[in-house]
């Protein structure tokens, strides 16, 4: 049986230590790279994680969707009816996140057509005929059409699979506003 000398043991220890040290440095380099990407994504999406201040004042309860969709055509037509509960006083205007690339045919509230505007790319402002009282459960219907822009991660995609036309959507994280009037903030889920 051979006994390893102290210098041989030290050399072996040094080699193992250096390999572990190099591995740890490479791991830290990759960890830092992914952490930086995660922090960057968090900072980019953090403002979107909260509801747009212009869409506050109501709590969404549910939506009714009536859509006319043909997978061979990059487009959608239909009516979305959001049901909401009023949270604040002087509720005489309701706002939704919705692409101005889409065409709104009408907005109807209790049988009456309402005035609306789209002052920015993803804001739909609807003027109500009178203020609605706090706690009231109400709804309105937005009829629209168009070819949605693709602003989200697969928000509304028309393509083919094995020669068959398809439409698909992930709407993540905030792509729903590309193809239907909604409240995109993650702090007001339907229900």
N, C-alpha and C. Protein backbone atom coordinates (compact mmCIF):
# COMPACT_ATOMS: atom_id res chain seq x y z
N UNK A 1 0.85 -1.16 0.00
CA UNK A 1 0.00 0.00 0.00
C UNK A 1 0.89 1.22 0.00
N UNK A 2 0.59 2.10 -0.95
CA UNK A 2 1.39 3.33 -1.04
C UNK A 2 0.70 4.42 -0.25
N UNK A 3 1.47 5.21 0.39
CA UNK A 3 0.98 6.35 1.14
C UNK A 3 1.28 7.59 0.31
N UNK A 4 0.27 8.41 0.14
CA UNK A 4 0.46 9.63 -0.63
C UNK A 4 1.20 10.64 0.23
N UNK A 5 2.10 11.29 -0.41
CA UNK A 5 2.86 12.31 0.32
C UNK A 5 1.99 13.53 0.55
N UNK A 6 2.41 14.34 1.47
CA UNK A 6 1.72 15.59 1.79
C UNK A 6 1.63 16.46 0.55
N UNK A 7 2.69 16.57 -0.21
CA UNK A 7 2.67 17.42 -1.40
C UNK A 7 1.70 16.86 -2.45
N UNK A 8 1.62 15.56 -2.55
CA UNK A 8 0.67 14.95 -3.49
C UNK A 8 -0.76 15.22 -3.05
N UNK A 9 -1.02 15.08 -1.74
CA UNK A 9 -2.36 15.38 -1.20
C UNK A 9 -2.71 16.86 -1.40
N UNK A 10 -1.76 17.72 -1.19
CA UNK A 10 -1.99 19.17 -1.38
C UNK A 10 -2.29 19.47 -2.84
N UNK A 11 -1.58 18.83 -3.73
CA UNK A 11 -1.81 19.03 -5.16
C UNK A 11 -3.21 18.55 -5.53
N UNK A 12 -3.59 17.36 -5.04
CA UNK A 12 -4.91 16.82 -5.31
C UNK A 12 -6.00 17.76 -4.75
N UNK A 13 -5.81 18.23 -3.53
CA UNK A 13 -6.76 19.17 -2.92
C UNK A 13 -6.87 20.44 -3.74
N UNK A 14 -5.73 20.95 -4.18
CA UNK A 14 -5.70 22.18 -4.97
C UNK A 14 -6.44 22.01 -6.29
N UNK A 15 -6.24 20.89 -6.96
CA UNK A 15 -6.93 20.63 -8.23
C UNK A 15 -8.44 20.57 -8.00
N UNK A 16 -8.87 19.82 -6.99
CA UNK A 16 -10.30 19.72 -6.70
C UNK A 16 -10.86 21.09 -6.33
N UNK A 17 -10.16 21.83 -5.49
CA UNK A 17 -10.61 23.15 -5.08
C UNK A 17 -10.74 24.09 -6.28
N UNK A 18 -9.76 24.08 -7.17
CA UNK A 18 -9.81 24.96 -8.35
C UNK A 18 -10.97 24.59 -9.26
N UNK A 19 -11.22 23.29 -9.43
CA UNK A 19 -12.34 22.87 -10.28
C UNK A 19 -13.68 23.33 -9.69
N UNK A 20 -13.82 23.16 -8.38
CA UNK A 20 -15.04 23.61 -7.71
C UNK A 20 -15.17 25.12 -7.81
N UNK A 21 -14.06 25.84 -7.64
CA UNK A 21 -14.07 27.29 -7.71
C UNK A 21 -14.47 27.78 -9.11
N UNK A 22 -13.90 27.15 -10.15
CA UNK A 22 -14.23 27.53 -11.53
C UNK A 22 -15.69 27.23 -11.81
N UNK A 23 -16.19 26.07 -11.38
CA UNK A 23 -17.59 25.71 -11.57
C UNK A 23 -18.50 26.72 -10.87
N UNK A 24 -18.14 27.10 -9.65
CA UNK A 24 -18.94 28.08 -8.89
C UNK A 24 -18.96 29.43 -9.60
N UNK A 25 -17.83 29.84 -10.16
CA UNK A 25 -17.78 31.11 -10.88
C UNK A 25 -18.65 31.06 -12.13
N UNK A 26 -18.59 29.92 -12.88
CA UNK A 26 -19.43 29.78 -14.07
C UNK A 26 -20.90 29.78 -13.69
N UNK A 27 -21.23 29.05 -12.60
CA UNK A 27 -22.61 29.01 -12.12
C UNK A 27 -23.07 30.41 -11.73
N UNK A 28 -22.23 31.15 -11.01
CA UNK A 28 -22.59 32.52 -10.63
C UNK A 28 -22.79 33.40 -11.85
N UNK A 29 -21.95 33.20 -12.88
CA UNK A 29 -22.08 34.00 -14.10
C UNK A 29 -23.43 33.73 -14.75
N UNK A 30 -23.83 32.46 -14.86
CA UNK A 30 -25.12 32.13 -15.46
C UNK A 30 -26.27 32.58 -14.57
N UNK A 31 -26.13 32.37 -13.27
CA UNK A 31 -27.16 32.80 -12.32
C UNK A 31 -27.35 34.31 -12.40
N UNK A 32 -26.25 35.05 -12.40
CA UNK A 32 -26.33 36.51 -12.51
C UNK A 32 -27.01 36.92 -13.80
N UNK A 33 -26.67 36.25 -14.90
CA UNK A 33 -27.25 36.58 -16.20
C UNK A 33 -28.77 36.39 -16.16
N UNK A 34 -29.24 35.25 -15.62
CA UNK A 34 -30.67 34.99 -15.58
C UNK A 34 -31.37 35.87 -14.55
N UNK A 35 -30.72 36.14 -13.44
CA UNK A 35 -31.31 37.05 -12.44
C UNK A 35 -31.47 38.45 -13.02
N UNK A 36 -30.47 38.91 -13.77
CA UNK A 36 -30.57 40.22 -14.40
C UNK A 36 -31.74 40.26 -15.38
N UNK A 37 -31.92 39.19 -16.17
CA UNK A 37 -33.05 39.14 -17.11
C UNK A 37 -34.37 39.14 -16.35
N UNK A 38 -34.44 38.38 -15.27
CA UNK A 38 -35.67 38.32 -14.48
C UNK A 38 -35.99 39.68 -13.87
N UNK A 39 -34.97 40.36 -13.32
CA UNK A 39 -35.19 41.68 -12.74
C UNK A 39 -35.62 42.68 -13.80
N UNK A 40 -35.03 42.58 -14.98
CA UNK A 40 -35.38 43.49 -16.08
C UNK A 40 -36.84 43.27 -16.49
N UNK A 41 -37.25 42.00 -16.62
CA UNK A 41 -38.64 41.70 -16.99
C UNK A 41 -39.60 42.18 -15.90
N UNK A 42 -39.23 41.95 -14.62
CA UNK A 42 -40.08 42.40 -13.53
C UNK A 42 -40.26 43.91 -13.57
N UNK A 43 -39.16 44.65 -13.78
CA UNK A 43 -39.25 46.10 -13.83
C UNK A 43 -40.08 46.58 -15.00
N UNK A 44 -40.00 45.86 -16.14
CA UNK A 44 -40.78 46.25 -17.32
C UNK A 44 -42.28 46.03 -17.07
N UNK A 45 -42.63 44.88 -16.48
CA UNK A 45 -44.04 44.54 -16.33
C UNK A 45 -44.65 45.01 -15.02
N UNK A 46 -43.85 45.45 -14.04
CA UNK A 46 -44.37 45.87 -12.75
C UNK A 46 -45.50 46.89 -12.87
N UNK A 47 -45.35 47.94 -13.69
CA UNK A 47 -46.46 48.90 -13.80
C UNK A 47 -47.73 48.25 -14.33
N UNK A 48 -47.60 47.21 -15.14
CA UNK A 48 -48.76 46.56 -15.72
C UNK A 48 -49.43 45.59 -14.75
N UNK A 49 -48.72 45.20 -13.69
CA UNK A 49 -49.28 44.24 -12.75
C UNK A 49 -50.43 44.85 -11.97
N UNK A 50 -50.46 46.15 -11.88
CA UNK A 50 -51.55 46.84 -11.21
C UNK A 50 -52.53 47.33 -12.28
N UNK A 51 -53.77 47.44 -11.89
CA UNK A 51 -54.79 47.94 -12.80
C UNK A 51 -54.46 49.37 -13.21
N UNK A 52 -54.70 49.69 -14.46
CA UNK A 52 -54.57 51.04 -14.97
C UNK A 52 -55.46 51.94 -14.10
N UNK A 53 -54.94 53.04 -13.54
CA UNK A 53 -55.76 53.90 -12.68
C UNK A 53 -57.05 54.35 -13.36
N UNK A 54 -57.03 54.43 -14.69
CA UNK A 54 -58.24 54.85 -15.40
C UNK A 54 -59.30 53.76 -15.45
N UNK A 55 -58.92 52.51 -15.14
CA UNK A 55 -59.92 51.43 -15.13
C UNK A 55 -60.29 51.02 -13.71
N UNK A 56 -59.99 51.87 -12.75
CA UNK A 56 -60.42 51.59 -11.37
C UNK A 56 -61.84 52.11 -11.19
N UNK A 57 -62.41 51.83 -10.05
CA UNK A 57 -63.76 52.32 -9.76
C UNK A 57 -64.83 51.27 -9.98
N UNK A 58 -64.44 50.12 -10.53
CA UNK A 58 -65.40 49.04 -10.71
C UNK A 58 -64.70 47.70 -10.57
N UNK A 59 -65.47 46.70 -10.18
CA UNK A 59 -64.97 45.34 -10.02
C UNK A 59 -65.65 44.47 -11.07
N UNK A 60 -64.86 43.84 -11.93
CA UNK A 60 -65.43 42.96 -12.95
C UNK A 60 -65.98 41.70 -12.31
N UNK A 61 -67.17 41.32 -12.72
CA UNK A 61 -67.79 40.11 -12.20
C UNK A 61 -67.73 38.98 -13.23
N UNK A 62 -68.12 39.26 -14.47
CA UNK A 62 -67.96 38.28 -15.54
C UNK A 62 -68.18 38.96 -16.90
N UNK A 63 -67.82 38.23 -17.95
CA UNK A 63 -68.00 38.69 -19.32
C UNK A 63 -68.90 37.71 -20.06
N UNK A 64 -69.66 38.23 -21.02
CA UNK A 64 -70.37 37.39 -21.99
C UNK A 64 -69.76 37.70 -23.35
N UNK A 65 -69.32 36.68 -24.05
CA UNK A 65 -68.68 36.85 -25.36
C UNK A 65 -69.57 36.27 -26.46
N UNK A 66 -69.76 37.03 -27.52
CA UNK A 66 -70.46 36.57 -28.72
C UNK A 66 -69.56 36.94 -29.89
N UNK A 67 -68.84 35.94 -30.43
CA UNK A 67 -67.84 36.23 -31.46
C UNK A 67 -68.14 35.51 -32.77
N UNK A 68 -67.79 36.17 -33.85
CA UNK A 68 -67.82 35.57 -35.19
C UNK A 68 -66.35 35.48 -35.62
N UNK A 69 -65.83 34.25 -35.65
CA UNK A 69 -64.42 34.05 -35.95
C UNK A 69 -64.29 32.99 -37.04
N UNK A 70 -63.45 33.27 -38.04
CA UNK A 70 -63.13 32.33 -39.10
C UNK A 70 -61.61 32.12 -39.08
N UNK A 71 -61.14 30.91 -38.79
CA UNK A 71 -59.70 30.68 -38.70
C UNK A 71 -58.93 31.00 -39.98
N UNK A 72 -59.61 31.08 -41.11
CA UNK A 72 -58.94 31.40 -42.37
C UNK A 72 -58.72 32.90 -42.54
N UNK A 73 -59.30 33.69 -41.64
CA UNK A 73 -59.21 35.15 -41.74
C UNK A 73 -58.60 35.70 -40.44
N UNK A 74 -57.65 36.59 -40.57
CA UNK A 74 -57.06 37.23 -39.40
C UNK A 74 -57.99 38.37 -38.97
N UNK A 75 -58.98 38.02 -38.20
CA UNK A 75 -59.93 39.03 -37.75
C UNK A 75 -60.95 38.45 -36.80
N UNK A 76 -61.68 39.35 -36.18
CA UNK A 76 -62.73 38.96 -35.24
C UNK A 76 -63.83 40.02 -35.30
N UNK A 77 -65.06 39.58 -35.10
CA UNK A 77 -66.20 40.50 -34.99
C UNK A 77 -67.08 39.94 -33.88
N UNK A 78 -67.69 40.81 -33.12
CA UNK A 78 -68.56 40.31 -32.08
C UNK A 78 -68.93 41.36 -31.05
N UNK A 79 -69.50 40.85 -29.97
CA UNK A 79 -69.94 41.70 -28.88
C UNK A 79 -69.43 41.13 -27.57
N UNK A 80 -68.86 42.01 -26.76
CA UNK A 80 -68.42 41.66 -25.40
C UNK A 80 -69.29 42.44 -24.43
N UNK A 81 -69.87 41.71 -23.47
CA UNK A 81 -70.70 42.35 -22.45
C UNK A 81 -70.05 42.12 -21.08
N UNK A 82 -69.34 43.13 -20.57
CA UNK A 82 -68.77 43.01 -19.23
C UNK A 82 -69.82 43.35 -18.17
N UNK A 83 -69.87 42.54 -17.12
CA UNK A 83 -70.73 42.80 -15.97
C UNK A 83 -69.82 43.27 -14.85
N UNK A 84 -70.17 44.38 -14.22
CA UNK A 84 -69.29 45.01 -13.25
C UNK A 84 -70.09 45.53 -12.06
N UNK A 85 -69.39 45.65 -10.93
CA UNK A 85 -69.98 46.23 -9.72
C UNK A 85 -69.28 47.56 -9.46
N UNK A 86 -70.05 48.61 -9.28
CA UNK A 86 -69.51 49.95 -9.07
C UNK A 86 -68.93 50.06 -7.66
N UNK A 87 -67.69 50.57 -7.57
CA UNK A 87 -67.00 50.70 -6.28
C UNK A 87 -66.92 52.13 -5.77
N UNK A 88 -66.95 53.10 -6.67
CA UNK A 88 -66.74 54.49 -6.26
C UNK A 88 -67.92 55.40 -6.55
N UNK A 89 -67.90 56.54 -5.87
CA UNK A 89 -68.94 57.57 -6.08
C UNK A 89 -68.73 58.26 -7.41
N UNK A 90 -69.76 58.92 -7.90
CA UNK A 90 -69.71 59.70 -9.14
C UNK A 90 -69.19 58.88 -10.32
N UNK A 91 -69.69 57.66 -10.42
CA UNK A 91 -69.25 56.75 -11.48
C UNK A 91 -70.05 57.04 -12.74
N UNK A 92 -69.56 57.98 -13.55
CA UNK A 92 -70.27 58.40 -14.77
C UNK A 92 -69.48 58.09 -16.03
N UNK A 93 -68.34 57.43 -15.86
CA UNK A 93 -67.49 57.06 -17.00
C UNK A 93 -66.84 55.73 -16.66
N UNK A 94 -66.77 54.83 -17.65
CA UNK A 94 -66.10 53.56 -17.45
C UNK A 94 -65.05 53.40 -18.54
N UNK A 95 -63.90 52.89 -18.16
CA UNK A 95 -62.79 52.74 -19.10
C UNK A 95 -62.35 51.29 -19.18
N UNK A 96 -61.92 50.89 -20.38
CA UNK A 96 -61.41 49.54 -20.61
C UNK A 96 -60.08 49.64 -21.35
N UNK A 97 -59.27 48.59 -21.21
CA UNK A 97 -58.07 48.44 -22.02
C UNK A 97 -58.52 47.79 -23.33
N UNK A 98 -58.25 48.47 -24.46
CA UNK A 98 -58.68 47.94 -25.75
C UNK A 98 -57.94 48.66 -26.87
N UNK A 99 -57.51 47.89 -27.86
CA UNK A 99 -56.72 48.44 -28.96
C UNK A 99 -57.52 49.38 -29.85
N UNK A 100 -56.94 50.53 -30.12
CA UNK A 100 -57.59 51.48 -31.03
C UNK A 100 -57.48 51.02 -32.48
N UNK A 101 -56.76 49.93 -32.74
CA UNK A 101 -56.69 49.36 -34.09
C UNK A 101 -58.00 48.66 -34.46
N UNK A 102 -58.81 48.36 -33.48
CA UNK A 102 -60.10 47.71 -33.71
C UNK A 102 -61.18 48.78 -33.93
N UNK A 103 -62.21 48.41 -34.68
CA UNK A 103 -63.32 49.34 -34.97
C UNK A 103 -64.50 49.02 -34.05
N UNK A 104 -64.95 50.03 -33.33
CA UNK A 104 -66.12 49.87 -32.46
C UNK A 104 -67.35 50.29 -33.25
N UNK A 105 -68.30 49.36 -33.37
CA UNK A 105 -69.54 49.64 -34.09
C UNK A 105 -70.55 50.36 -33.20
N UNK A 106 -70.67 49.90 -31.95
CA UNK A 106 -71.59 50.54 -31.01
C UNK A 106 -71.30 50.08 -29.59
N UNK A 107 -71.73 50.92 -28.66
CA UNK A 107 -71.71 50.56 -27.25
C UNK A 107 -73.11 50.85 -26.73
N UNK A 108 -73.76 49.82 -26.19
CA UNK A 108 -75.16 49.93 -25.79
C UNK A 108 -75.29 49.67 -24.28
N UNK A 109 -76.02 50.58 -23.63
CA UNK A 109 -76.26 50.50 -22.19
C UNK A 109 -77.75 50.68 -21.95
N UNK A 110 -78.43 49.65 -21.46
CA UNK A 110 -79.88 49.69 -21.22
C UNK A 110 -80.63 50.16 -22.47
N UNK A 111 -80.24 49.65 -23.63
CA UNK A 111 -80.92 49.97 -24.89
C UNK A 111 -80.51 51.29 -25.52
N UNK A 112 -79.64 52.03 -24.90
CA UNK A 112 -79.22 53.35 -25.39
C UNK A 112 -77.77 53.29 -25.88
N UNK A 113 -77.52 53.84 -27.06
CA UNK A 113 -76.15 53.93 -27.57
C UNK A 113 -75.39 55.00 -26.80
N UNK A 114 -74.14 54.68 -26.44
CA UNK A 114 -73.33 55.60 -25.65
C UNK A 114 -72.21 56.22 -26.46
N UNK A 115 -71.79 57.39 -26.02
CA UNK A 115 -70.63 58.06 -26.61
C UNK A 115 -69.37 57.44 -26.03
N UNK A 116 -68.33 57.38 -26.85
CA UNK A 116 -67.05 56.83 -26.41
C UNK A 116 -65.92 57.50 -27.16
N UNK A 117 -64.71 57.31 -26.65
CA UNK A 117 -63.51 57.80 -27.34
C UNK A 117 -62.37 56.82 -27.05
N UNK A 118 -61.36 56.91 -27.89
CA UNK A 118 -60.15 56.11 -27.70
C UNK A 118 -58.97 57.08 -27.75
N UNK A 119 -58.71 57.76 -26.62
CA UNK A 119 -57.69 58.81 -26.59
C UNK A 119 -56.24 58.32 -26.68
N UNK A 120 -56.03 57.01 -26.49
CA UNK A 120 -54.68 56.48 -26.64
C UNK A 120 -54.77 55.07 -27.23
N UNK A 121 -53.64 54.49 -27.54
CA UNK A 121 -53.59 53.21 -28.24
C UNK A 121 -54.38 52.11 -27.57
N UNK A 122 -54.38 52.07 -26.24
CA UNK A 122 -55.06 50.98 -25.54
C UNK A 122 -56.01 51.48 -24.46
N UNK A 123 -56.75 52.53 -24.76
CA UNK A 123 -57.73 53.03 -23.79
C UNK A 123 -59.06 53.31 -24.49
N UNK A 124 -60.11 52.73 -23.93
CA UNK A 124 -61.48 52.97 -24.41
C UNK A 124 -62.23 53.65 -23.27
N UNK A 125 -62.67 54.91 -23.50
CA UNK A 125 -63.41 55.69 -22.51
C UNK A 125 -64.87 55.74 -22.93
N UNK A 126 -65.76 55.36 -22.03
CA UNK A 126 -67.19 55.32 -22.31
C UNK A 126 -67.91 56.25 -21.34
N UNK A 127 -68.68 57.18 -21.88
CA UNK A 127 -69.44 58.12 -21.06
C UNK A 127 -70.82 57.53 -20.80
N UNK A 128 -71.16 57.39 -19.53
CA UNK A 128 -72.47 56.86 -19.15
C UNK A 128 -73.50 57.99 -19.12
N UNK A 129 -74.79 57.69 -19.32
CA UNK A 129 -75.80 58.75 -19.35
C UNK A 129 -76.01 59.43 -17.99
N UNK A 130 -75.69 58.72 -16.91
CA UNK A 130 -75.79 59.28 -15.56
C UNK A 130 -74.88 58.46 -14.65
N UNK A 131 -74.54 59.05 -13.51
CA UNK A 131 -73.70 58.33 -12.55
C UNK A 131 -74.44 57.11 -12.02
N UNK A 132 -73.70 56.03 -11.82
CA UNK A 132 -74.26 54.79 -11.27
C UNK A 132 -73.89 54.72 -9.79
N UNK A 133 -74.83 54.31 -8.95
CA UNK A 133 -74.62 54.25 -7.50
C UNK A 133 -73.63 53.17 -7.10
N UNK A 134 -72.90 53.43 -6.01
CA UNK A 134 -71.97 52.45 -5.44
C UNK A 134 -72.72 51.16 -5.12
N UNK A 135 -72.11 50.03 -5.43
CA UNK A 135 -72.69 48.72 -5.14
C UNK A 135 -73.59 48.18 -6.22
N UNK A 136 -73.89 48.98 -7.25
CA UNK A 136 -74.76 48.54 -8.32
C UNK A 136 -74.03 47.55 -9.23
N UNK A 137 -74.71 46.43 -9.54
CA UNK A 137 -74.21 45.48 -10.53
C UNK A 137 -74.84 45.87 -11.86
N UNK A 138 -74.02 46.14 -12.86
CA UNK A 138 -74.53 46.63 -14.13
C UNK A 138 -73.72 46.03 -15.28
N UNK A 139 -74.12 46.36 -16.51
CA UNK A 139 -73.40 45.87 -17.69
C UNK A 139 -73.64 46.80 -18.86
N UNK A 140 -72.82 46.63 -19.88
CA UNK A 140 -73.02 47.30 -21.16
C UNK A 140 -72.44 46.38 -22.23
N UNK A 141 -72.81 46.59 -23.48
CA UNK A 141 -72.36 45.72 -24.56
C UNK A 141 -71.56 46.51 -25.59
N UNK A 142 -70.38 46.00 -25.91
CA UNK A 142 -69.48 46.65 -26.86
C UNK A 142 -69.39 45.76 -28.10
N UNK A 143 -69.89 46.28 -29.23
CA UNK A 143 -69.84 45.54 -30.49
C UNK A 143 -68.71 46.12 -31.32
N UNK A 144 -67.85 45.24 -31.85
CA UNK A 144 -66.64 45.70 -32.53
C UNK A 144 -66.20 44.69 -33.58
N UNK A 145 -65.18 45.08 -34.35
CA UNK A 145 -64.63 44.20 -35.39
C UNK A 145 -63.23 44.68 -35.78
N UNK A 146 -62.51 43.81 -36.49
CA UNK A 146 -61.21 44.20 -37.00
C UNK A 146 -60.18 43.08 -36.94
N UNK A 147 -58.99 43.44 -37.41
CA UNK A 147 -57.83 42.54 -37.37
C UNK A 147 -56.97 42.98 -36.19
N UNK A 148 -56.92 42.18 -35.12
CA UNK A 148 -56.18 42.59 -33.93
C UNK A 148 -54.68 42.73 -34.20
N UNK A 149 -54.07 43.73 -33.60
CA UNK A 149 -52.60 43.81 -33.69
C UNK A 149 -52.03 42.68 -32.83
N UNK A 150 -50.80 42.33 -33.06
CA UNK A 150 -50.19 41.27 -32.25
C UNK A 150 -49.19 41.89 -31.31
N UNK A 151 -49.67 42.51 -30.24
CA UNK A 151 -48.81 43.22 -29.32
C UNK A 151 -48.31 42.39 -28.16
N UNK A 152 -49.03 41.33 -27.81
CA UNK A 152 -48.62 40.50 -26.68
C UNK A 152 -47.83 39.30 -27.15
N UNK A 153 -47.55 38.39 -26.25
CA UNK A 153 -46.85 37.16 -26.58
C UNK A 153 -47.88 36.19 -27.14
N UNK A 154 -48.11 36.26 -28.46
CA UNK A 154 -49.12 35.42 -29.08
C UNK A 154 -50.52 35.86 -28.72
N UNK A 155 -50.78 37.17 -28.78
CA UNK A 155 -52.09 37.66 -28.34
C UNK A 155 -53.22 37.22 -29.27
N UNK A 156 -53.01 37.22 -30.58
CA UNK A 156 -54.03 36.78 -31.53
C UNK A 156 -53.31 36.44 -32.82
N UNK A 157 -53.17 35.15 -33.11
CA UNK A 157 -52.36 34.72 -34.25
C UNK A 157 -53.20 33.87 -35.21
N UNK A 158 -53.15 34.21 -36.48
CA UNK A 158 -53.79 33.43 -37.53
C UNK A 158 -52.68 32.77 -38.33
N UNK A 159 -52.74 31.43 -38.47
CA UNK A 159 -51.71 30.70 -39.22
C UNK A 159 -52.31 29.40 -39.74
N UNK A 160 -51.44 28.42 -40.01
CA UNK A 160 -51.88 27.11 -40.51
C UNK A 160 -51.20 26.01 -39.72
N UNK A 161 -51.89 24.88 -39.65
CA UNK A 161 -51.29 23.67 -39.08
C UNK A 161 -51.66 22.51 -40.00
N UNK A 162 -50.65 21.89 -40.59
CA UNK A 162 -50.87 20.80 -41.56
C UNK A 162 -51.83 21.23 -42.67
N UNK A 163 -51.68 22.47 -43.15
CA UNK A 163 -52.49 22.98 -44.24
C UNK A 163 -53.89 23.43 -43.87
N UNK A 164 -54.22 23.39 -42.58
CA UNK A 164 -55.55 23.79 -42.11
C UNK A 164 -55.41 25.14 -41.40
N UNK A 165 -56.25 26.13 -41.77
CA UNK A 165 -56.18 27.44 -41.10
C UNK A 165 -56.51 27.31 -39.62
N UNK A 166 -55.76 28.05 -38.80
CA UNK A 166 -56.01 28.06 -37.35
C UNK A 166 -55.88 29.47 -36.81
N UNK A 167 -56.55 29.73 -35.73
CA UNK A 167 -56.36 30.93 -34.91
C UNK A 167 -55.98 30.45 -33.53
N UNK A 168 -55.07 31.15 -32.89
CA UNK A 168 -54.72 30.80 -31.52
C UNK A 168 -54.33 32.04 -30.75
N UNK A 169 -54.41 31.92 -29.44
CA UNK A 169 -54.07 33.03 -28.57
C UNK A 169 -53.49 32.52 -27.26
N UNK A 170 -52.51 33.24 -26.77
CA UNK A 170 -52.02 33.03 -25.41
C UNK A 170 -52.44 34.22 -24.55
N UNK A 171 -52.49 35.39 -25.18
CA UNK A 171 -52.86 36.63 -24.49
C UNK A 171 -52.03 36.86 -23.24
N UNK A 172 -50.79 36.41 -23.27
CA UNK A 172 -49.91 36.55 -22.10
C UNK A 172 -48.81 37.55 -22.38
N UNK A 173 -48.43 38.37 -21.47
CA UNK A 173 -49.15 38.58 -20.22
C UNK A 173 -50.29 39.57 -20.35
N UNK A 174 -50.27 40.42 -21.37
CA UNK A 174 -51.29 41.46 -21.46
C UNK A 174 -51.83 41.61 -22.87
N UNK A 175 -51.99 40.52 -23.59
CA UNK A 175 -52.42 40.58 -24.98
C UNK A 175 -53.92 40.61 -25.20
N UNK A 176 -54.72 40.36 -24.18
CA UNK A 176 -56.17 40.34 -24.36
C UNK A 176 -56.68 41.66 -24.91
N UNK A 177 -56.08 42.76 -24.49
CA UNK A 177 -56.53 44.09 -24.94
C UNK A 177 -56.36 44.27 -26.44
N UNK A 178 -55.58 43.40 -27.10
CA UNK A 178 -55.43 43.47 -28.55
C UNK A 178 -56.69 43.03 -29.27
N UNK A 179 -57.49 42.15 -28.65
CA UNK A 179 -58.62 41.59 -29.39
C UNK A 179 -59.96 41.61 -28.68
N UNK A 180 -60.03 42.09 -27.44
CA UNK A 180 -61.34 42.32 -26.81
C UNK A 180 -61.22 43.34 -25.68
N UNK A 181 -62.28 44.15 -25.47
CA UNK A 181 -62.26 45.16 -24.41
C UNK A 181 -62.20 44.47 -23.06
N UNK A 182 -61.22 44.83 -22.24
CA UNK A 182 -61.03 44.13 -20.98
C UNK A 182 -60.42 45.07 -19.96
N UNK A 183 -60.18 44.53 -18.79
CA UNK A 183 -59.46 45.22 -17.73
C UNK A 183 -58.22 44.36 -17.49
N UNK A 184 -57.08 44.82 -17.98
CA UNK A 184 -55.89 43.98 -18.04
C UNK A 184 -55.14 43.83 -16.73
N UNK A 185 -55.36 44.65 -15.75
CA UNK A 185 -54.60 44.57 -14.51
C UNK A 185 -54.78 43.23 -13.82
N UNK A 186 -53.72 42.74 -13.21
CA UNK A 186 -53.78 41.45 -12.54
C UNK A 186 -54.39 41.53 -11.15
N UNK A 187 -54.76 42.73 -10.72
CA UNK A 187 -55.34 42.87 -9.40
C UNK A 187 -56.87 42.93 -9.42
N UNK A 188 -57.50 42.69 -10.57
CA UNK A 188 -58.95 42.58 -10.65
C UNK A 188 -59.29 41.43 -11.59
N UNK A 189 -59.33 40.25 -11.03
CA UNK A 189 -59.70 39.08 -11.81
C UNK A 189 -61.23 38.95 -11.79
N UNK A 190 -61.76 38.40 -12.87
CA UNK A 190 -63.20 38.21 -12.98
C UNK A 190 -63.66 37.24 -11.90
N UNK A 191 -64.75 37.61 -11.25
CA UNK A 191 -65.31 36.70 -10.24
C UNK A 191 -65.76 37.41 -9.00
